[in-house]
Amino acid sequence: MSESGQPSPSHRSEAAMDTFSIEIDSDTAALKAVRQAVEGFAARCGCDERACDDIGLCLNEALANVIRHAYKGFGGRPIALTAGAEGDRFVMRLRDWGSGVNPEAVRRPPKEQDLLTPGGLGLICLHRLMTEVKYEPQGDGMLLTMARMKCSAPSDAAKEST
């Protein structure tokens, strides 16, 4: 974190991939800035507007889930994020040192949702908007890998225009 309390990302270039890396505290106040920084980075990596929007929304949902579930709402706990282009995909890896519970193992079948009541839609968003969602327990937390194609499929763009 910077002295202003805003997340301070580090960017590094490697031969195989340009990466965005940041470590933030489990504080919902940081989510907007991180989301905007990653959306901008995704655009610079060649993601189209729809992909950037999906990436930002899924990152926001995943971070909120870490804070709410893995850290039980406690602030000041570390969350590490790396992101970058890997071929035609944009990949994010989110690491926490929380409960280590795999949400896929406790995932309940979709139920009728009251869309005005918060909660319950994060995993649905991840699975609908990302092409890969993978949880890997780490013994002392969780590693979540999310990936999405950098360019939206033509059928996705057609759906938007109707």
N, C-alpha and C. Protein backbone atom coordinates (compact mmCIF):
# COMPACT_ATOMS: atom_id res chain seq x y z
N MET A 1 0.84 -1.18 0.00
CA MET A 1 0.00 0.00 0.00
C MET A 1 0.89 1.24 0.00
N SER A 2 0.41 2.26 -0.64
CA SER A 2 1.14 3.52 -0.65
C SER A 2 0.81 4.29 0.63
N GLU A 3 1.53 5.36 0.86
CA GLU A 3 1.28 6.17 2.05
C GLU A 3 -0.12 6.77 2.05
N SER A 4 -0.70 6.95 0.85
CA SER A 4 -2.05 7.52 0.76
C SER A 4 -3.12 6.50 1.06
N GLY A 5 -2.73 5.22 1.29
CA GLY A 5 -3.71 4.18 1.56
C GLY A 5 -4.22 3.51 0.30
N GLN A 6 -3.78 3.98 -0.87
CA GLN A 6 -4.19 3.37 -2.13
C GLN A 6 -3.24 2.22 -2.46
N PRO A 7 -3.75 1.19 -3.11
CA PRO A 7 -2.87 0.09 -3.50
C PRO A 7 -1.80 0.59 -4.46
N SER A 8 -0.61 0.07 -4.32
CA SER A 8 0.47 0.47 -5.21
C SER A 8 0.93 -0.75 -5.99
N PRO A 9 0.48 -0.84 -7.25
CA PRO A 9 0.83 -2.01 -8.05
C PRO A 9 2.27 -1.95 -8.52
N SER A 10 2.81 -3.11 -8.80
CA SER A 10 4.11 -3.15 -9.45
C SER A 10 3.92 -3.84 -10.78
N HIS A 11 4.57 -3.33 -11.78
CA HIS A 11 4.50 -3.92 -13.11
C HIS A 11 5.90 -4.41 -13.44
N ARG A 12 5.98 -5.59 -14.02
CA ARG A 12 7.28 -6.05 -14.46
C ARG A 12 7.10 -6.75 -15.79
N SER A 13 8.10 -6.71 -16.59
CA SER A 13 8.05 -7.38 -17.87
C SER A 13 8.99 -8.57 -17.84
N GLU A 14 8.49 -9.67 -18.35
CA GLU A 14 9.30 -10.86 -18.52
C GLU A 14 9.19 -11.23 -19.98
N ALA A 15 10.09 -12.06 -20.46
CA ALA A 15 10.06 -12.45 -21.87
C ALA A 15 8.74 -13.12 -22.22
N ALA A 16 8.19 -13.92 -21.33
CA ALA A 16 6.99 -14.69 -21.64
C ALA A 16 5.71 -13.92 -21.41
N MET A 17 5.72 -12.94 -20.51
CA MET A 17 4.46 -12.32 -20.16
C MET A 17 4.69 -11.00 -19.44
N ASP A 18 3.88 -10.00 -19.75
CA ASP A 18 3.84 -8.79 -18.95
C ASP A 18 2.91 -9.09 -17.80
N THR A 19 3.33 -8.73 -16.59
CA THR A 19 2.51 -9.05 -15.43
C THR A 19 2.21 -7.80 -14.60
N PHE A 20 1.12 -7.90 -13.92
CA PHE A 20 0.67 -6.90 -12.96
C PHE A 20 0.66 -7.63 -11.63
N SER A 21 1.33 -7.09 -10.63
CA SER A 21 1.37 -7.72 -9.31
C SER A 21 1.06 -6.69 -8.25
N ILE A 22 0.28 -7.09 -7.27
CA ILE A 22 -0.07 -6.20 -6.18
C ILE A 22 -0.41 -7.04 -4.96
N GLU A 23 -0.10 -6.51 -3.81
CA GLU A 23 -0.57 -7.11 -2.55
C GLU A 23 -1.37 -6.04 -1.84
N ILE A 24 -2.59 -6.40 -1.46
CA ILE A 24 -3.47 -5.46 -0.76
C ILE A 24 -3.89 -6.07 0.56
N ASP A 25 -4.42 -5.23 1.43
CA ASP A 25 -5.03 -5.70 2.66
C ASP A 25 -6.48 -6.04 2.40
N SER A 26 -7.04 -6.89 3.22
CA SER A 26 -8.44 -7.31 3.07
C SER A 26 -9.36 -6.18 3.54
N ASP A 27 -9.46 -5.17 2.71
CA ASP A 27 -10.25 -3.99 3.01
C ASP A 27 -11.08 -3.65 1.77
N THR A 28 -12.39 -3.64 1.91
CA THR A 28 -13.25 -3.38 0.76
C THR A 28 -13.00 -2.00 0.15
N ALA A 29 -12.43 -1.08 0.91
CA ALA A 29 -12.15 0.26 0.37
C ALA A 29 -11.12 0.21 -0.76
N ALA A 30 -10.32 -0.85 -0.83
CA ALA A 30 -9.28 -0.96 -1.86
C ALA A 30 -9.81 -1.56 -3.16
N LEU A 31 -11.00 -2.14 -3.15
CA LEU A 31 -11.48 -2.90 -4.30
C LEU A 31 -11.62 -2.04 -5.57
N LYS A 32 -12.18 -0.87 -5.45
CA LYS A 32 -12.41 -0.03 -6.64
C LYS A 32 -11.09 0.29 -7.35
N ALA A 33 -10.10 0.73 -6.58
CA ALA A 33 -8.82 1.10 -7.18
C ALA A 33 -8.13 -0.10 -7.83
N VAL A 34 -8.18 -1.25 -7.18
CA VAL A 34 -7.56 -2.45 -7.74
C VAL A 34 -8.29 -2.85 -9.02
N ARG A 35 -9.62 -2.84 -8.96
CA ARG A 35 -10.41 -3.20 -10.14
C ARG A 35 -10.06 -2.29 -11.32
N GLN A 36 -10.03 -0.99 -11.09
CA GLN A 36 -9.74 -0.04 -12.17
C GLN A 36 -8.33 -0.24 -12.71
N ALA A 37 -7.37 -0.50 -11.83
CA ALA A 37 -6.00 -0.71 -12.27
C ALA A 37 -5.90 -1.97 -13.14
N VAL A 38 -6.57 -3.03 -12.75
CA VAL A 38 -6.51 -4.28 -13.52
C VAL A 38 -7.27 -4.14 -14.84
N GLU A 39 -8.40 -3.46 -14.82
CA GLU A 39 -9.13 -3.23 -16.08
C GLU A 39 -8.25 -2.46 -17.08
N GLY A 40 -7.56 -1.44 -16.59
CA GLY A 40 -6.66 -0.68 -17.45
C GLY A 40 -5.50 -1.52 -17.96
N PHE A 41 -4.94 -2.34 -17.09
CA PHE A 41 -3.85 -3.22 -17.49
C PHE A 41 -4.33 -4.23 -18.53
N ALA A 42 -5.54 -4.79 -18.31
CA ALA A 42 -6.11 -5.76 -19.26
C ALA A 42 -6.27 -5.11 -20.64
N ALA A 43 -6.72 -3.87 -20.66
CA ALA A 43 -6.87 -3.16 -21.94
C ALA A 43 -5.51 -3.01 -22.63
N ARG A 44 -4.48 -2.66 -21.86
CA ARG A 44 -3.13 -2.52 -22.43
C ARG A 44 -2.58 -3.86 -22.93
N CYS A 45 -3.10 -4.96 -22.36
CA CYS A 45 -2.68 -6.30 -22.79
C CYS A 45 -3.46 -6.79 -24.01
N GLY A 46 -4.39 -5.96 -24.52
CA GLY A 46 -5.11 -6.31 -25.73
C GLY A 46 -6.52 -6.83 -25.51
N CYS A 47 -7.03 -6.75 -24.28
CA CYS A 47 -8.40 -7.19 -24.03
C CYS A 47 -9.38 -6.16 -24.59
N ASP A 48 -10.47 -6.65 -25.18
CA ASP A 48 -11.48 -5.73 -25.67
C ASP A 48 -12.32 -5.21 -24.50
N GLU A 49 -13.19 -4.25 -24.79
CA GLU A 49 -13.96 -3.58 -23.73
C GLU A 49 -14.81 -4.56 -22.93
N ARG A 50 -15.48 -5.47 -23.60
CA ARG A 50 -16.32 -6.46 -22.90
C ARG A 50 -15.47 -7.33 -21.98
N ALA A 51 -14.32 -7.78 -22.47
CA ALA A 51 -13.43 -8.61 -21.65
C ALA A 51 -12.96 -7.83 -20.42
N CYS A 52 -12.59 -6.57 -20.60
CA CYS A 52 -12.15 -5.74 -19.47
C CYS A 52 -13.25 -5.60 -18.42
N ASP A 53 -14.48 -5.38 -18.89
CA ASP A 53 -15.61 -5.27 -17.96
C ASP A 53 -15.81 -6.57 -17.19
N ASP A 54 -15.77 -7.71 -17.89
CA ASP A 54 -15.95 -9.02 -17.24
C ASP A 54 -14.83 -9.28 -16.24
N ILE A 55 -13.61 -8.97 -16.64
CA ILE A 55 -12.44 -9.17 -15.77
C ILE A 55 -12.57 -8.34 -14.50
N GLY A 56 -12.95 -7.08 -14.65
CA GLY A 56 -13.10 -6.20 -13.48
C GLY A 56 -14.19 -6.68 -12.54
N LEU A 57 -15.34 -7.06 -13.10
CA LEU A 57 -16.44 -7.54 -12.26
C LEU A 57 -16.05 -8.82 -11.53
N CYS A 58 -15.45 -9.76 -12.22
CA CYS A 58 -15.06 -11.02 -11.58
C CYS A 58 -13.98 -10.82 -10.53
N LEU A 59 -13.03 -9.94 -10.81
CA LEU A 59 -12.01 -9.64 -9.80
C LEU A 59 -12.65 -9.04 -8.56
N ASN A 60 -13.54 -8.09 -8.75
CA ASN A 60 -14.23 -7.46 -7.63
C ASN A 60 -14.98 -8.51 -6.80
N GLU A 61 -15.71 -9.39 -7.47
CA GLU A 61 -16.46 -10.44 -6.77
C GLU A 61 -15.53 -11.39 -6.03
N ALA A 62 -14.44 -11.79 -6.67
CA ALA A 62 -13.51 -12.72 -6.04
C ALA A 62 -12.84 -12.08 -4.81
N LEU A 63 -12.43 -10.82 -4.92
CA LEU A 63 -11.83 -10.14 -3.78
C LEU A 63 -12.83 -9.99 -2.63
N ALA A 64 -14.05 -9.62 -2.97
CA ALA A 64 -15.09 -9.49 -1.93
C ALA A 64 -15.34 -10.82 -1.25
N ASN A 65 -15.32 -11.92 -2.01
CA ASN A 65 -15.51 -13.24 -1.42
C ASN A 65 -14.37 -13.61 -0.49
N VAL A 66 -13.14 -13.27 -0.87
CA VAL A 66 -12.00 -13.54 0.01
C VAL A 66 -12.19 -12.80 1.33
N ILE A 67 -12.51 -11.51 1.25
CA ILE A 67 -12.68 -10.71 2.46
C ILE A 67 -13.83 -11.25 3.31
N ARG A 68 -14.94 -11.55 2.68
CA ARG A 68 -16.13 -11.98 3.41
C ARG A 68 -16.02 -13.40 3.95
N HIS A 69 -15.52 -14.32 3.14
CA HIS A 69 -15.54 -15.73 3.52
C HIS A 69 -14.20 -16.25 4.05
N ALA A 70 -13.12 -16.03 3.31
CA ALA A 70 -11.82 -16.56 3.75
C ALA A 70 -11.32 -15.85 5.00
N TYR A 71 -11.55 -14.54 5.07
CA TYR A 71 -11.08 -13.75 6.21
C TYR A 71 -12.20 -13.35 7.17
N LYS A 72 -13.40 -13.84 6.92
CA LYS A 72 -14.56 -13.60 7.81
C LYS A 72 -14.77 -12.12 8.12
N GLY A 73 -14.45 -11.27 7.13
CA GLY A 73 -14.66 -9.84 7.27
C GLY A 73 -13.55 -9.08 7.98
N PHE A 74 -12.53 -9.78 8.44
CA PHE A 74 -11.43 -9.10 9.13
C PHE A 74 -10.55 -8.34 8.16
N GLY A 75 -10.22 -7.12 8.50
CA GLY A 75 -9.32 -6.30 7.69
C GLY A 75 -7.87 -6.58 8.02
N GLY A 76 -6.98 -6.03 7.22
CA GLY A 76 -5.56 -6.11 7.49
C GLY A 76 -4.90 -7.43 7.13
N ARG A 77 -5.62 -8.30 6.45
CA ARG A 77 -5.05 -9.59 6.05
C ARG A 77 -4.58 -9.49 4.59
N PRO A 78 -3.51 -10.20 4.23
CA PRO A 78 -2.94 -10.03 2.88
C PRO A 78 -3.72 -10.77 1.79
N ILE A 79 -3.78 -10.13 0.63
CA ILE A 79 -4.29 -10.75 -0.58
C ILE A 79 -3.30 -10.38 -1.68
N ALA A 80 -2.77 -11.38 -2.36
CA ALA A 80 -1.81 -11.15 -3.44
C ALA A 80 -2.48 -11.43 -4.78
N LEU A 81 -2.27 -10.55 -5.73
CA LEU A 81 -2.85 -10.69 -7.06
C LEU A 81 -1.75 -10.55 -8.10
N THR A 82 -1.73 -11.48 -9.04
CA THR A 82 -0.91 -11.33 -10.24
C THR A 82 -1.84 -11.51 -11.43
N ALA A 83 -1.58 -10.78 -12.48
CA ALA A 83 -2.42 -10.85 -13.67
C ALA A 83 -1.57 -10.58 -14.89
N GLY A 84 -2.01 -11.13 -16.01
CA GLY A 84 -1.31 -10.85 -17.25
C GLY A 84 -1.85 -11.63 -18.41
N ALA A 85 -1.38 -11.27 -19.59
CA ALA A 85 -1.77 -11.95 -20.81
C ALA A 85 -0.92 -13.20 -20.97
N GLU A 86 -1.60 -14.28 -21.28
CA GLU A 86 -0.93 -15.54 -21.61
C GLU A 86 -1.53 -16.01 -22.92
N GLY A 87 -0.85 -15.70 -24.01
CA GLY A 87 -1.39 -16.01 -25.33
C GLY A 87 -2.65 -15.19 -25.59
N ASP A 88 -3.74 -15.87 -25.93
CA ASP A 88 -4.99 -15.16 -26.22
C ASP A 88 -5.90 -15.05 -25.00
N ARG A 89 -5.35 -15.35 -23.83
CA ARG A 89 -6.13 -15.28 -22.59
C ARG A 89 -5.53 -14.25 -21.64
N PHE A 90 -6.38 -13.71 -20.78
CA PHE A 90 -5.95 -12.86 -19.67
C PHE A 90 -6.17 -13.68 -18.41
N VAL A 91 -5.12 -13.86 -17.61
CA VAL A 91 -5.16 -14.75 -16.45
C VAL A 91 -4.89 -13.96 -15.18
N MET A 92 -5.71 -14.21 -14.17
CA MET A 92 -5.50 -13.60 -12.84
C MET A 92 -5.33 -14.72 -11.83
N ARG A 93 -4.39 -14.52 -10.91
CA ARG A 93 -4.17 -15.46 -9.81
C ARG A 93 -4.28 -14.67 -8.51
N LEU A 94 -5.20 -15.12 -7.68
CA LEU A 94 -5.51 -14.44 -6.43
C LEU A 94 -5.16 -15.39 -5.29
N ARG A 95 -4.26 -14.95 -4.40
CA ARG A 95 -3.78 -15.80 -3.30
C ARG A 95 -4.19 -15.18 -1.98
N ASP A 96 -4.81 -16.00 -1.12
CA ASP A 96 -5.12 -15.54 0.23
C ASP A 96 -4.56 -16.53 1.23
N TRP A 97 -4.51 -16.10 2.48
CA TRP A 97 -4.03 -16.92 3.58
C TRP A 97 -5.14 -17.06 4.61
N GLY A 98 -6.35 -17.32 4.09
CA GLY A 98 -7.54 -17.38 4.93
C GLY A 98 -7.90 -18.80 5.33
N SER A 99 -9.19 -19.07 5.34
CA SER A 99 -9.73 -20.33 5.85
C SER A 99 -9.32 -21.54 5.02
N GLY A 100 -9.01 -21.35 3.75
CA GLY A 100 -8.63 -22.48 2.90
C GLY A 100 -9.80 -23.32 2.43
N VAL A 101 -11.02 -22.88 2.73
CA VAL A 101 -12.20 -23.63 2.31
C VAL A 101 -12.42 -23.41 0.81
N ASN A 102 -12.57 -24.51 0.09
CA ASN A 102 -12.80 -24.43 -1.34
C ASN A 102 -14.29 -24.18 -1.59
N PRO A 103 -14.64 -23.02 -2.14
CA PRO A 103 -16.06 -22.71 -2.34
C PRO A 103 -16.75 -23.71 -3.27
N GLU A 104 -16.00 -24.35 -4.16
CA GLU A 104 -16.60 -25.34 -5.05
C GLU A 104 -17.05 -26.57 -4.28
N ALA A 105 -16.38 -26.87 -3.17
CA ALA A 105 -16.73 -28.05 -2.37
C ALA A 105 -18.00 -27.83 -1.56
N VAL A 106 -18.32 -26.58 -1.26
CA VAL A 106 -19.51 -26.28 -0.46
C VAL A 106 -20.57 -25.57 -1.28
N ARG A 107 -20.34 -25.50 -2.57
CA ARG A 107 -21.27 -24.79 -3.46
C ARG A 107 -22.61 -25.51 -3.50
N ARG A 108 -23.65 -24.75 -3.29
CA ARG A 108 -25.01 -25.30 -3.33
C ARG A 108 -25.60 -25.07 -4.71
N PRO A 109 -26.58 -25.90 -5.08
CA PRO A 109 -27.22 -25.66 -6.37
C PRO A 109 -27.88 -24.28 -6.38
N PRO A 110 -27.93 -23.67 -7.55
CA PRO A 110 -28.57 -22.35 -7.62
C PRO A 110 -30.00 -22.42 -7.10
N LYS A 111 -30.36 -21.41 -6.36
CA LYS A 111 -31.72 -21.32 -5.86
C LYS A 111 -32.32 -20.03 -6.39
N GLU A 112 -33.59 -19.89 -6.17
CA GLU A 112 -34.19 -18.63 -6.58
C GLU A 112 -33.55 -17.52 -5.77
N GLN A 113 -33.03 -16.54 -6.46
CA GLN A 113 -32.34 -15.43 -5.81
C GLN A 113 -33.24 -14.21 -5.77
N ASP A 114 -33.23 -13.55 -4.65
CA ASP A 114 -33.81 -12.22 -4.58
C ASP A 114 -32.69 -11.29 -5.04
N LEU A 115 -32.78 -10.80 -6.26
CA LEU A 115 -31.69 -10.02 -6.84
C LEU A 115 -31.45 -8.70 -6.12
N LEU A 116 -32.35 -8.30 -5.25
CA LEU A 116 -32.15 -7.07 -4.48
C LEU A 116 -31.41 -7.33 -3.17
N THR A 117 -31.25 -8.60 -2.80
CA THR A 117 -30.54 -8.95 -1.58
C THR A 117 -29.09 -9.28 -1.94
N PRO A 118 -28.12 -8.60 -1.30
CA PRO A 118 -26.72 -8.85 -1.62
C PRO A 118 -26.31 -10.28 -1.28
N GLY A 119 -25.33 -10.77 -2.01
CA GLY A 119 -24.75 -12.08 -1.72
C GLY A 119 -25.30 -13.18 -2.60
N GLY A 120 -24.45 -14.19 -2.82
CA GLY A 120 -24.89 -15.37 -3.52
C GLY A 120 -24.67 -15.39 -5.01
N LEU A 121 -24.25 -14.29 -5.59
CA LEU A 121 -24.09 -14.26 -7.05
C LEU A 121 -22.64 -14.25 -7.50
N GLY A 122 -21.69 -14.14 -6.57
CA GLY A 122 -20.28 -14.05 -6.95
C GLY A 122 -19.78 -15.24 -7.73
N LEU A 123 -20.02 -16.45 -7.24
CA LEU A 123 -19.55 -17.65 -7.94
C LEU A 123 -20.26 -17.82 -9.28
N ILE A 124 -21.53 -17.45 -9.32
CA ILE A 124 -22.26 -17.53 -10.59
C ILE A 124 -21.60 -16.61 -11.62
N CYS A 125 -21.27 -15.39 -11.22
CA CYS A 125 -20.58 -14.45 -12.12
C CYS A 125 -19.26 -15.04 -12.61
N LEU A 126 -18.47 -15.56 -11.69
CA LEU A 126 -17.17 -16.09 -12.08
C LEU A 126 -17.32 -17.18 -13.13
N HIS A 127 -18.24 -18.11 -12.90
CA HIS A 127 -18.38 -19.23 -13.82
C HIS A 127 -19.04 -18.84 -15.14
N ARG A 128 -19.84 -17.80 -15.15
CA ARG A 128 -20.49 -17.38 -16.41
C ARG A 128 -19.58 -16.48 -17.26
N LEU A 129 -18.74 -15.69 -16.61
CA LEU A 129 -17.98 -14.68 -17.35
C LEU A 129 -16.53 -15.07 -17.63
N MET A 130 -16.01 -16.02 -16.89
CA MET A 130 -14.62 -16.45 -17.09
C MET A 130 -14.61 -17.80 -17.80
N THR A 131 -13.57 -18.07 -18.59
CA THR A 131 -13.48 -19.37 -19.26
C THR A 131 -12.82 -20.42 -18.38
N GLU A 132 -12.13 -19.97 -17.33
CA GLU A 132 -11.52 -20.91 -16.37
C GLU A 132 -11.64 -20.33 -14.98
N VAL A 133 -12.08 -21.15 -14.04
CA VAL A 133 -12.12 -20.80 -12.62
C VAL A 133 -11.61 -22.03 -11.88
N LYS A 134 -10.48 -21.88 -11.20
CA LYS A 134 -9.86 -23.03 -10.56
C LYS A 134 -9.38 -22.65 -9.15
N TYR A 135 -9.88 -23.37 -8.16
CA TYR A 135 -9.47 -23.17 -6.77
C TYR A 135 -8.46 -24.25 -6.40
N GLU A 136 -7.32 -23.82 -5.83
CA GLU A 136 -6.29 -24.77 -5.41
C GLU A 136 -5.94 -24.50 -3.95
N PRO A 137 -6.41 -25.38 -3.02
CA PRO A 137 -6.04 -25.22 -1.61
C PRO A 137 -4.52 -25.26 -1.46
N GLN A 138 -4.00 -24.39 -0.58
CA GLN A 138 -2.56 -24.24 -0.40
C GLN A 138 -2.05 -24.71 0.96
N GLY A 139 -2.91 -25.24 1.80
CA GLY A 139 -2.48 -25.63 3.14
C GLY A 139 -2.61 -24.47 4.12
N ASP A 140 -2.28 -23.27 3.67
CA ASP A 140 -2.40 -22.09 4.52
C ASP A 140 -3.27 -21.03 3.85
N GLY A 141 -4.17 -21.46 2.98
CA GLY A 141 -5.04 -20.53 2.29
C GLY A 141 -5.50 -21.10 0.96
N MET A 142 -5.69 -20.23 -0.01
CA MET A 142 -6.25 -20.64 -1.30
C MET A 142 -5.60 -19.87 -2.43
N LEU A 143 -5.46 -20.52 -3.56
CA LEU A 143 -5.04 -19.89 -4.80
C LEU A 143 -6.19 -20.04 -5.78
N LEU A 144 -6.71 -18.92 -6.26
CA LEU A 144 -7.76 -18.91 -7.26
C LEU A 144 -7.16 -18.44 -8.57
N THR A 145 -7.34 -19.23 -9.61
CA THR A 145 -6.91 -18.85 -10.96
C THR A 145 -8.17 -18.62 -11.79
N MET A 146 -8.24 -17.46 -12.41
CA MET A 146 -9.36 -17.12 -13.30
C MET A 146 -8.77 -16.69 -14.63
N ALA A 147 -9.37 -17.16 -15.72
CA ALA A 147 -8.89 -16.78 -17.05
C ALA A 147 -10.08 -16.48 -17.95
N ARG A 148 -9.83 -15.62 -18.91
CA ARG A 148 -10.84 -15.24 -19.88
C ARG A 148 -10.15 -14.91 -21.19
N MET A 149 -10.80 -15.21 -22.29
CA MET A 149 -10.27 -14.85 -23.60
C MET A 149 -10.17 -13.32 -23.66
N LYS A 150 -9.12 -12.82 -24.30
CA LYS A 150 -8.93 -11.37 -24.38
C LYS A 150 -9.95 -10.70 -25.28
N CYS A 151 -10.43 -11.41 -26.27
CA CYS A 151 -11.43 -10.86 -27.18
C CYS A 151 -12.73 -11.63 -27.03
N SER A 152 -13.83 -10.90 -26.99
CA SER A 152 -15.13 -11.53 -26.87
C SER A 152 -15.45 -12.28 -28.15
N ALA A 153 -16.14 -13.40 -28.01
CA ALA A 153 -16.55 -14.17 -29.18
C ALA A 153 -17.57 -13.37 -29.97
N PRO A 154 -17.61 -13.54 -31.29
CA PRO A 154 -18.60 -12.81 -32.10
C PRO A 154 -20.03 -13.01 -31.60
N SER A 155 -20.34 -14.19 -31.11
CA SER A 155 -21.71 -14.43 -30.61
C SER A 155 -21.99 -13.58 -29.38
N ASP A 156 -20.97 -13.33 -28.55
CA ASP A 156 -21.15 -12.47 -27.38
C ASP A 156 -21.45 -11.05 -27.81
N ALA A 157 -20.73 -10.56 -28.81
CA ALA A 157 -20.96 -9.18 -29.29
C ALA A 157 -22.35 -9.06 -29.91
N ALA A 158 -22.79 -10.10 -30.61
CA ALA A 158 -24.13 -10.06 -31.22
C ALA A 158 -25.21 -10.00 -30.14
N LYS A 159 -25.02 -10.73 -29.04
CA LYS A 159 -25.98 -10.72 -27.95
C LYS A 159 -26.11 -9.33 -27.35
N GLU A 160 -24.98 -8.61 -27.27
CA GLU A 160 -24.99 -7.26 -26.68
C GLU A 160 -25.80 -6.29 -27.53
N SER A 161 -25.77 -6.45 -28.85
CA SER A 161 -26.40 -5.47 -29.72
C SER A 161 -27.90 -5.70 -29.88
N THR A 162 -28.40 -6.82 -29.38
CA THR A 162 -29.85 -7.08 -29.51
C THR A 162 -30.60 -6.69 -28.27
